[in-house]
PDB file of all heavy atoms in Angstrom:
ATOM      1  N   VAL A   1       0.842  -1.193   0.000  1.00  0.00           N
ATOM      2  CA  VAL A   1       0.000   0.000   0.000  1.00  0.00           C
ATOM      3  C   VAL A   1       0.878   1.243   0.000  1.00  0.00           C
ATOM      4  O   VAL A   1       1.792   1.385   0.823  1.00  0.00           O
ATOM      5  CB  VAL A   1      -0.946   0.001   1.221  1.00  0.00           C
ATOM      6  CG1 VAL A   1      -1.700   1.325   1.304  1.00  0.00           C
ATOM      7  CG2 VAL A   1      -1.931  -1.153   1.128  1.00  0.00           C
ATOM      8  N   GLY A   2       0.625   2.112  -0.975  1.00  0.00           N
ATOM      9  CA  GLY A   2       1.427   3.317  -1.138  1.00  0.00           C
ATOM     10  C   GLY A   2       2.627   3.138  -2.037  1.00  0.00           C
ATOM     11  O   GLY A   2       3.312   4.117  -2.344  1.00  0.00           O
ATOM     12  N   GLY A   3       2.878   1.898  -2.500  1.00  0.00           N
ATOM     13  CA  GLY A   3       4.058   1.623  -3.315  1.00  0.00           C
ATOM     14  C   GLY A   3       3.759   1.644  -4.803  1.00  0.00           C
ATOM     15  O   GLY A   3       2.635   1.924  -5.241  1.00  0.00           O
ATOM     16  N   GLU A   4       4.781   1.315  -5.604  1.00  0.00           N
ATOM     17  CA  GLU A   4       4.674   1.398  -7.055  1.00  0.00           C
ATOM     18  C   GLU A   4       4.440   0.048  -7.725  1.00  0.00           C
ATOM     19  O   GLU A   4       4.287  -0.027  -8.949  1.00  0.00           O
ATOM     20  CB  GLU A   4       5.944   2.021  -7.639  1.00  0.00           C
ATOM     21  CG  GLU A   4       7.182   1.141  -7.517  1.00  0.00           C
ATOM     22  CD  GLU A   4       8.353   1.653  -8.363  1.00  0.00           C
ATOM     23  OE1 GLU A   4       8.116   2.455  -9.286  1.00  0.00           O
ATOM     24  OE2 GLU A   4       9.495   1.234  -8.092  1.00  0.00           O
ATOM     25  N   ARG A   5       4.395  -1.044  -6.973  1.00  0.00           N
ATOM     26  CA  ARG A   5       4.224  -2.376  -7.553  1.00  0.00           C
ATOM     27  C   ARG A   5       2.743  -2.633  -7.821  1.00  0.00           C
ATOM     28  O   ARG A   5       2.081  -3.413  -7.133  1.00  0.00           O
ATOM     29  CB  ARG A   5       4.814  -3.429  -6.619  1.00  0.00           C
ATOM     30  CG  ARG A   5       6.314  -3.290  -6.390  1.00  0.00           C
ATOM     31  CD  ARG A   5       6.793  -4.168  -5.238  1.00  0.00           C
ATOM     32  NE  ARG A   5       8.213  -3.989  -4.990  1.00  0.00           N
ATOM     33  CZ  ARG A   5       9.160  -4.829  -5.372  1.00  0.00           C
ATOM     34  NH1 ARG A   5       8.838  -5.926  -6.026  1.00  0.00           N
ATOM     35  NH2 ARG A   5      10.431  -4.588  -5.111  1.00  0.00           N
ATOM     36  N   ASN A   6       2.233  -1.955  -8.827  1.00  0.00           N
ATOM     37  CA  ASN A   6       0.805  -1.990  -9.138  1.00  0.00           C
ATOM     38  C   ASN A   6       0.650  -2.301 -10.626  1.00  0.00           C
ATOM     39  O   ASN A   6       0.984  -1.473 -11.458  1.00  0.00           O
ATOM     40  CB  ASN A   6       0.156  -0.632  -8.830  1.00  0.00           C
ATOM     41  CG  ASN A   6       0.693  -0.013  -7.552  1.00  0.00           C
ATOM     42  OD1 ASN A   6       0.761  -0.661  -6.519  1.00  0.00           O
ATOM     43  ND2 ASN A   6       1.101   1.262  -7.630  1.00  0.00           N
ATOM     44  N   TRP A   7       0.096  -3.463 -10.958  1.00  0.00           N
ATOM     45  CA  TRP A   7       0.112  -3.942 -12.342  1.00  0.00           C
ATOM     46  C   TRP A   7      -1.282  -4.296 -12.814  1.00  0.00           C
ATOM     47  O   TRP A   7      -2.205  -4.499 -12.022  1.00  0.00           O
ATOM     48  CB  TRP A   7       1.038  -5.160 -12.461  1.00  0.00           C
ATOM     49  CG  TRP A   7       2.347  -5.000 -11.747  1.00  0.00           C
ATOM     50  CD1 TRP A   7       2.735  -5.620 -10.598  1.00  0.00           C
ATOM     51  CD2 TRP A   7       3.432  -4.132 -12.108  1.00  0.00           C
ATOM     52  NE1 TRP A   7       3.991  -5.206 -10.234  1.00  0.00           N
ATOM     53  CE2 TRP A   7       4.447  -4.297 -11.138  1.00  0.00           C
ATOM     54  CE3 TRP A   7       3.638  -3.244 -13.163  1.00  0.00           C
ATOM     55  CZ2 TRP A   7       5.651  -3.611 -11.183  1.00  0.00           C
ATOM     56  CZ3 TRP A   7       4.835  -2.561 -13.221  1.00  0.00           C
ATOM     57  CH2 TRP A   7       5.828  -2.735 -12.243  1.00  0.00           C
ATOM     58  N   ASP A   8      -1.430  -4.402 -14.107  1.00  0.00           N
ATOM     59  CA  ASP A   8      -2.700  -4.769 -14.739  1.00  0.00           C
ATOM     60  C   ASP A   8      -2.677  -6.275 -15.007  1.00  0.00           C
ATOM     61  O   ASP A   8      -1.889  -6.755 -15.822  1.00  0.00           O
ATOM     62  CB  ASP A   8      -2.875  -3.984 -16.048  1.00  0.00           C
ATOM     63  CG  ASP A   8      -4.265  -4.130 -16.637  1.00  0.00           C
ATOM     64  OD1 ASP A   8      -5.021  -5.008 -16.190  1.00  0.00           O
ATOM     65  OD2 ASP A   8      -4.596  -3.359 -17.566  1.00  0.00           O
ATOM     66  N   TYR A   9      -3.564  -7.005 -14.330  1.00  0.00           N
ATOM     67  CA  TYR A   9      -3.578  -8.474 -14.414  1.00  0.00           C
ATOM     68  C   TYR A   9      -4.751  -9.021 -15.220  1.00  0.00           C
ATOM     69  O   TYR A   9      -5.043 -10.210 -15.140  1.00  0.00           O
ATOM     70  CB  TYR A   9      -3.638  -9.065 -13.000  1.00  0.00           C
ATOM     71  CG  TYR A   9      -2.297  -9.223 -12.318  1.00  0.00           C
ATOM     72  CD1 TYR A   9      -1.184  -8.503 -12.733  1.00  0.00           C
ATOM     73  CD2 TYR A   9      -2.145 -10.095 -11.242  1.00  0.00           C
ATOM     74  CE1 TYR A   9       0.029  -8.632 -12.094  1.00  0.00           C
ATOM     75  CE2 TYR A   9      -0.928 -10.242 -10.603  1.00  0.00           C
ATOM     76  CZ  TYR A   9       0.158  -9.509 -11.019  1.00  0.00           C
ATOM     77  OH  TYR A   9       1.366  -9.643 -10.402  1.00  0.00           O
ATOM     78  N   ARG A  10      -5.394  -8.208 -16.020  1.00  0.00           N
ATOM     79  CA  ARG A  10      -6.618  -8.652 -16.708  1.00  0.00           C
ATOM     80  C   ARG A  10      -6.321  -9.305 -18.065  1.00  0.00           C
ATOM     81  O   ARG A  10      -7.110  -9.191 -19.000  1.00  0.00           O
ATOM     82  CB  ARG A  10      -7.556  -7.458 -16.901  1.00  0.00           C
ATOM     83  CG  ARG A  10      -7.978  -6.786 -15.592  1.00  0.00           C
ATOM     84  CD  ARG A  10      -8.695  -5.483 -15.842  1.00  0.00           C
ATOM     85  NE  ARG A  10      -7.840  -4.567 -16.583  1.00  0.00           N
ATOM     86  CZ  ARG A  10      -8.298  -3.627 -17.408  1.00  0.00           C
ATOM     87  NH1 ARG A  10      -9.597  -3.481 -17.606  1.00  0.00           N
ATOM     88  NH2 ARG A  10      -7.455  -2.837 -18.037  1.00  0.00           N
ATOM     89  N   TYR A  11      -5.210 -10.007 -18.124  1.00  0.00           N
ATOM     90  CA  TYR A  11      -4.780 -10.628 -19.371  1.00  0.00           C
ATOM     91  C   TYR A  11      -4.471 -12.104 -19.128  1.00  0.00           C
ATOM     92  O   TYR A  11      -4.470 -12.587 -17.994  1.00  0.00           O
ATOM     93  CB  TYR A  11      -3.557  -9.897 -19.928  1.00  0.00           C
ATOM     94  CG  TYR A  11      -3.771  -8.410 -20.029  1.00  0.00           C
ATOM     95  CD1 TYR A  11      -3.073  -7.522 -19.213  1.00  0.00           C
ATOM     96  CD2 TYR A  11      -4.729  -7.891 -20.897  1.00  0.00           C
ATOM     97  CE1 TYR A  11      -3.307  -6.152 -19.284  1.00  0.00           C
ATOM     98  CE2 TYR A  11      -4.960  -6.519 -20.972  1.00  0.00           C
ATOM     99  CZ  TYR A  11      -4.252  -5.664 -20.158  1.00  0.00           C
ATOM    100  OH  TYR A  11      -4.495  -4.318 -20.222  1.00  0.00           O
ATOM    101  N   THR A  12      -4.200 -12.801 -20.218  1.00  0.00           N
ATOM    102  CA  THR A  12      -3.924 -14.235 -20.143  1.00  0.00           C
ATOM    103  C   THR A  12      -2.423 -14.466 -20.176  1.00  0.00           C
ATOM    104  O   THR A  12      -1.770 -14.199 -21.188  1.00  0.00           O
ATOM    105  CB  THR A  12      -4.604 -14.974 -21.309  1.00  0.00           C
ATOM    106  OG1 THR A  12      -6.018 -14.760 -21.238  1.00  0.00           O
ATOM    107  CG2 THR A  12      -4.314 -16.468 -21.235  1.00  0.00           C
ATOM    108  N   TRP A  13      -1.878 -14.950 -19.078  1.00  0.00           N
ATOM    109  CA  TRP A  13      -0.472 -15.332 -18.994  1.00  0.00           C
ATOM    110  C   TRP A  13      -0.350 -16.786 -19.457  1.00  0.00           C
ATOM    111  O   TRP A  13      -1.066 -17.673 -18.972  1.00  0.00           O
ATOM    112  CB  TRP A  13       0.036 -15.219 -17.565  1.00  0.00           C
ATOM    113  CG  TRP A  13       0.679 -13.910 -17.213  1.00  0.00           C
ATOM    114  CD1 TRP A  13       2.011 -13.680 -17.013  1.00  0.00           C
ATOM    115  CD2 TRP A  13       0.032 -12.645 -16.971  1.00  0.00           C
ATOM    116  NE1 TRP A  13       2.236 -12.357 -16.689  1.00  0.00           N
ATOM    117  CE2 TRP A  13       1.034 -11.703 -16.656  1.00  0.00           C
ATOM    118  CE3 TRP A  13      -1.299 -12.221 -17.008  1.00  0.00           C
ATOM    119  CZ2 TRP A  13       0.752 -10.381 -16.369  1.00  0.00           C
ATOM    120  CZ3 TRP A  13      -1.588 -10.901 -16.731  1.00  0.00           C
ATOM    121  CH2 TRP A  13      -0.574  -9.993 -16.420  1.00  0.00           C
ATOM    122  N   ILE A  14       0.548 -17.037 -20.386  1.00  0.00           N
ATOM    123  CA  ILE A  14       0.788 -18.410 -20.830  1.00  0.00           C
ATOM    124  C   ILE A  14       1.116 -19.301 -19.632  1.00  0.00           C
ATOM    125  O   ILE A  14       0.630 -20.434 -19.516  1.00  0.00           O
ATOM    126  CB  ILE A  14       1.934 -18.461 -21.858  1.00  0.00           C
ATOM    127  CG1 ILE A  14       1.541 -17.714 -23.147  1.00  0.00           C
ATOM    128  CG2 ILE A  14       2.329 -19.905 -22.165  1.00  0.00           C
ATOM    129  CD1 ILE A  14       0.416 -18.365 -23.924  1.00  0.00           C
ATOM    130  N   ARG A  15       1.922 -18.800 -18.728  1.00  0.00           N
ATOM    131  CA  ARG A  15       2.352 -19.587 -17.573  1.00  0.00           C
ATOM    132  C   ARG A  15       1.174 -19.968 -16.684  1.00  0.00           C
ATOM    133  O   ARG A  15       0.927 -21.146 -16.413  1.00  0.00           O
ATOM    134  CB  ARG A  15       3.367 -18.782 -16.758  1.00  0.00           C
ATOM    135  CG  ARG A  15       3.793 -19.410 -15.457  1.00  0.00           C
ATOM    136  CD  ARG A  15       4.678 -18.464 -14.678  1.00  0.00           C
ATOM    137  NE  ARG A  15       5.750 -17.948 -15.517  1.00  0.00           N
ATOM    138  CZ  ARG A  15       5.838 -16.682 -15.924  1.00  0.00           C
ATOM    139  NH1 ARG A  15       4.903 -15.804 -15.585  1.00  0.00           N
ATOM    140  NH2 ARG A  15       6.840 -16.286 -16.674  1.00  0.00           N
ATOM    141  N   ASP A  16       0.448 -18.983 -16.207  1.00  0.00           N
ATOM    142  CA  ASP A  16      -0.647 -19.238 -15.272  1.00  0.00           C
ATOM    143  C   ASP A  16      -1.692 -20.155 -15.899  1.00  0.00           C
ATOM    144  O   ASP A  16      -2.150 -21.125 -15.277  1.00  0.00           O
ATOM    145  CB  ASP A  16      -1.320 -17.921 -14.872  1.00  0.00           C
ATOM    146  CG  ASP A  16      -0.352 -16.905 -14.288  1.00  0.00           C
ATOM    147  OD1 ASP A  16       0.818 -16.880 -14.698  1.00  0.00           O
ATOM    148  OD2 ASP A  16      -0.780 -16.122 -13.431  1.00  0.00           O
ATOM    149  N   ALA A  17      -2.069 -19.814 -17.131  1.00  0.00           N
ATOM    150  CA  ALA A  17      -3.132 -20.565 -17.789  1.00  0.00           C
ATOM    151  C   ALA A  17      -2.705 -22.003 -18.061  1.00  0.00           C
ATOM    152  O   ALA A  17      -3.494 -22.945 -17.875  1.00  0.00           O
ATOM    153  CB  ALA A  17      -3.525 -19.871 -19.088  1.00  0.00           C
ATOM    154  N   SER A  18      -1.464 -22.191 -18.493  1.00  0.00           N
ATOM    155  CA  SER A  18      -0.999 -23.535 -18.827  1.00  0.00           C
ATOM    156  C   SER A  18      -0.930 -24.426 -17.596  1.00  0.00           C
ATOM    157  O   SER A  18      -1.281 -25.610 -17.642  1.00  0.00           O
ATOM    158  CB  SER A  18       0.364 -23.470 -19.507  1.00  0.00           C
ATOM    159  OG  SER A  18       0.279 -22.806 -20.757  1.00  0.00           O
ATOM    160  N   LEU A  19      -0.488 -23.864 -16.476  1.00  0.00           N
ATOM    161  CA  LEU A  19      -0.405 -24.661 -15.263  1.00  0.00           C
ATOM    162  C   LEU A  19      -1.776 -24.968 -14.683  1.00  0.00           C
ATOM    163  O   LEU A  19      -1.915 -25.899 -13.874  1.00  0.00           O
ATOM    164  CB  LEU A  19       0.472 -23.954 -14.232  1.00  0.00           C
ATOM    165  CG  LEU A  19       1.960 -23.852 -14.603  1.00  0.00           C
ATOM    166  CD1 LEU A  19       2.723 -23.056 -13.562  1.00  0.00           C
ATOM    167  CD2 LEU A  19       2.582 -25.235 -14.754  1.00  0.00           C
ATOM    168  N   SER A  20      -2.804 -24.211 -15.084  1.00  0.00           N
ATOM    169  CA  SER A  20      -4.155 -24.487 -14.588  1.00  0.00           C
ATOM    170  C   SER A  20      -4.760 -25.731 -15.232  1.00  0.00           C
ATOM    171  O   SER A  20      -5.710 -26.316 -14.696  1.00  0.00           O
ATOM    172  CB  SER A  20      -5.070 -23.287 -14.850  1.00  0.00           C
ATOM    173  OG  SER A  20      -5.392 -23.169 -16.227  1.00  0.00           O
ATOM    174  N   VAL A  21      -4.214 -26.152 -16.375  1.00  0.00           N
ATOM    175  CA  VAL A  21      -4.804 -27.272 -17.110  1.00  0.00           C
ATOM    176  C   VAL A  21      -4.809 -28.541 -16.271  1.00  0.00           C
ATOM    177  O   VAL A  21      -5.795 -29.276 -16.229  1.00  0.00           O
ATOM    178  CB  VAL A  21      -4.057 -27.487 -18.442  1.00  0.00           C
ATOM    179  CG1 VAL A  21      -4.460 -28.810 -19.081  1.00  0.00           C
ATOM    180  CG2 VAL A  21      -4.347 -26.335 -19.397  1.00  0.00           C
ATOM    181  N   ARG A  22      -3.703 -28.809 -15.585  1.00  0.00           N
ATOM    182  CA  ARG A  22      -3.624 -30.028 -14.771  1.00  0.00           C
ATOM    183  C   ARG A  22      -4.700 -30.028 -13.686  1.00  0.00           C
ATOM    184  O   ARG A  22      -5.372 -31.038 -13.436  1.00  0.00           O
ATOM    185  CB  ARG A  22      -2.247 -30.130 -14.138  1.00  0.00           C
ATOM    186  CG  ARG A  22      -2.018 -31.327 -13.233  1.00  0.00           C
ATOM    187  CD  ARG A  22      -1.879 -32.607 -14.039  1.00  0.00           C
ATOM    188  NE  ARG A  22      -3.098 -33.381 -14.116  1.00  0.00           N
ATOM    189  CZ  ARG A  22      -3.278 -34.396 -14.932  1.00  0.00           C
ATOM    190  NH1 ARG A  22      -2.320 -34.750 -15.767  1.00  0.00           N
ATOM    191  NH2 ARG A  22      -4.393 -35.061 -14.945  1.00  0.00           N
ATOM    192  N   ALA A  23      -4.888 -28.864 -13.016  1.00  0.00           N
ATOM    193  CA  ALA A  23      -5.899 -28.781 -11.961  1.00  0.00           C
ATOM    194  C   ALA A  23      -7.296 -28.979 -12.525  1.00  0.00           C
ATOM    195  O   ALA A  23      -8.135 -29.669 -11.922  1.00  0.00           O
ATOM    196  CB  ALA A  23      -5.797 -27.432 -11.241  1.00  0.00           C
ATOM    197  N   LEU A  24      -7.574 -28.381 -13.684  1.00  0.00           N
ATOM    198  CA  LEU A  24      -8.897 -28.532 -14.291  1.00  0.00           C
ATOM    199  C   LEU A  24      -9.178 -29.989 -14.632  1.00  0.00           C
ATOM    200  O   LEU A  24     -10.281 -30.507 -14.390  1.00  0.00           O
ATOM    201  CB  LEU A  24      -8.993 -27.661 -15.543  1.00  0.00           C
ATOM    202  CG  LEU A  24      -9.029 -26.147 -15.314  1.00  0.00           C
ATOM    203  CD1 LEU A  24      -8.870 -25.410 -16.636  1.00  0.00           C
ATOM    204  CD2 LEU A  24     -10.317 -25.729 -14.614  1.00  0.00           C
ATOM    205  N   ILE A  25      -8.186 -30.671 -15.191  1.00  0.00           N
ATOM    206  CA  ILE A  25      -8.375 -32.073 -15.561  1.00  0.00           C
ATOM    207  C   ILE A  25      -8.571 -32.927 -14.314  1.00  0.00           C
ATOM    208  O   ILE A  25      -9.445 -33.804 -14.267  1.00  0.00           O
ATOM    209  CB  ILE A  25      -7.184 -32.572 -16.394  1.00  0.00           C
ATOM    210  CG1 ILE A  25      -7.189 -31.893 -17.762  1.00  0.00           C
ATOM    211  CG2 ILE A  25      -7.220 -34.089 -16.558  1.00  0.00           C
ATOM    212  CD1 ILE A  25      -5.970 -32.201 -18.602  1.00  0.00           C
ATOM    213  N   ASP A  26      -7.784 -32.672 -13.276  1.00  0.00           N
ATOM    214  CA  ASP A  26      -7.925 -33.438 -12.039  1.00  0.00           C
ATOM    215  C   ASP A  26      -9.320 -33.278 -11.437  1.00  0.00           C
ATOM    216  O   ASP A  26      -9.843 -34.202 -10.807  1.00  0.00           O
ATOM    217  CB  ASP A  26      -6.873 -33.004 -11.019  1.00  0.00           C
ATOM    218  CG  ASP A  26      -5.477 -33.501 -11.371  1.00  0.00           C
ATOM    219  OD1 ASP A  26      -5.366 -34.439 -12.190  1.00  0.00           O
ATOM    220  OD2 ASP A  26      -4.494 -32.941 -10.844  1.00  0.00           O
ATOM    221  N   LEU A  27      -9.933 -32.110 -11.638  1.00  0.00           N
ATOM    222  CA  LEU A  27     -11.272 -31.877 -11.104  1.00  0.00           C
ATOM    223  C   LEU A  27     -12.362 -32.408 -12.017  1.00  0.00           C
ATOM    224  O   LEU A  27     -13.530 -32.461 -11.615  1.00  0.00           O
ATOM    225  CB  LEU A  27     -11.494 -30.376 -10.874  1.00  0.00           C
ATOM    226  CG  LEU A  27     -10.629 -29.708  -9.810  1.00  0.00           C
ATOM    227  CD1 LEU A  27     -10.998 -28.232  -9.673  1.00  0.00           C
ATOM    228  CD2 LEU A  27     -10.752 -30.409  -8.464  1.00  0.00           C
ATOM    229  N   GLY A  28     -12.019 -32.761 -13.251  1.00  0.00           N
ATOM    230  CA  GLY A  28     -13.009 -33.271 -14.180  1.00  0.00           C
ATOM    231  C   GLY A  28     -13.522 -32.257 -15.177  1.00  0.00           C
ATOM    232  O   GLY A  28     -14.439 -32.556 -15.957  1.00  0.00           O
ATOM    233  N   PHE A  29     -12.926 -31.062 -15.202  1.00  0.00           N
ATOM    234  CA  PHE A  29     -13.384 -30.010 -16.111  1.00  0.00           C
ATOM    235  C   PHE A  29     -12.554 -30.042 -17.401  1.00  0.00           C
ATOM    236  O   PHE A  29     -11.789 -29.127 -17.714  1.00  0.00           O
ATOM    237  CB  PHE A  29     -13.302 -28.647 -15.432  1.00  0.00           C
ATOM    238  CG  PHE A  29     -14.211 -28.523 -14.238  1.00  0.00           C
ATOM    239  CD1 PHE A  29     -13.687 -28.305 -12.973  1.00  0.00           C
ATOM    240  CD2 PHE A  29     -15.583 -28.660 -14.371  1.00  0.00           C
ATOM    241  CE1 PHE A  29     -14.510 -28.202 -11.867  1.00  0.00           C
ATOM    242  CE2 PHE A  29     -16.419 -28.556 -13.275  1.00  0.00           C
ATOM    243  CZ  PHE A  29     -15.889 -28.331 -12.012  1.00  0.00           C
ATOM    244  N   THR A  30     -12.728 -31.098 -18.167  1.00  0.00           N
ATOM    245  CA  THR A  30     -11.937 -31.276 -19.384  1.00  0.00           C
ATOM    246  C   THR A  30     -12.340 -30.303 -20.478  1.00  0.00           C
ATOM    247  O   THR A  30     -11.510 -29.936 -21.316  1.00  0.00           O
ATOM    248  CB  THR A  30     -12.084 -32.714 -19.898  1.00  0.00           C
ATOM    249  OG1 THR A  30     -13.484 -33.014 -20.073  1.00  0.00           O
ATOM    250  CG2 THR A  30     -11.491 -33.704 -18.897  1.00  0.00           C
ATOM    251  N   GLU A  31     -13.589 -29.879 -20.504  1.00  0.00           N
ATOM    252  CA  GLU A  31     -14.025 -28.931 -21.537  1.00  0.00           C
ATOM    253  C   GLU A  31     -13.245 -27.625 -21.416  1.00  0.00           C
ATOM    254  O   GLU A  31     -12.796 -27.055 -22.418  1.00  0.00           O
ATOM    255  CB  GLU A  31     -15.523 -28.663 -21.415  1.00  0.00           C
ATOM    256  CG  GLU A  31     -16.059 -27.673 -22.436  1.00  0.00           C
ATOM    257  CD  GLU A  31     -17.552 -27.408 -22.263  1.00  0.00           C
ATOM    258  OE1 GLU A  31     -18.252 -28.280 -21.720  1.00  0.00           O
ATOM    259  OE2 GLU A  31     -18.014 -26.321 -22.685  1.00  0.00           O
ATOM    260  N   GLU A  32     -13.080 -27.133 -20.198  1.00  0.00           N
ATOM    261  CA  GLU A  32     -12.336 -25.891 -19.984  1.00  0.00           C
ATOM    262  C   GLU A  32     -10.861 -26.079 -20.322  1.00  0.00           C
ATOM    263  O   GLU A  32     -10.231 -25.188 -20.907  1.00  0.00           O
ATOM    264  CB  GLU A  32     -12.482 -25.436 -18.530  1.00  0.00           C
ATOM    265  CG  GLU A  32     -13.846 -24.854 -18.179  1.00  0.00           C
ATOM    266  CD  GLU A  32     -14.932 -25.908 -18.006  1.00  0.00           C
ATOM    267  OE1 GLU A  32     -14.610 -27.117 -17.999  1.00  0.00           O
ATOM    268  OE2 GLU A  32     -16.102 -25.531 -17.872  1.00  0.00           O
ATOM    269  N   ALA A  33     -10.301 -27.231 -19.948  1.00  0.00           N
ATOM    270  CA  ALA A  33      -8.897 -27.492 -20.261  1.00  0.00           C
ATOM    271  C   ALA A  33      -8.678 -27.550 -21.767  1.00  0.00           C
ATOM    272  O   ALA A  33      -7.711 -26.981 -22.297  1.00  0.00           O
ATOM    273  CB  ALA A  33      -8.452 -28.806 -19.605  1.00  0.00           C
TER     274      ALA A  33
END
């Protein structure tokens, strides 16, 4: 709070999205994966 580390996160990161695939499949959400 009060600092400069303030970023726009409303985009698709290859890293974050790709690592989510394993979790989605483990939960049974293959359509989303």
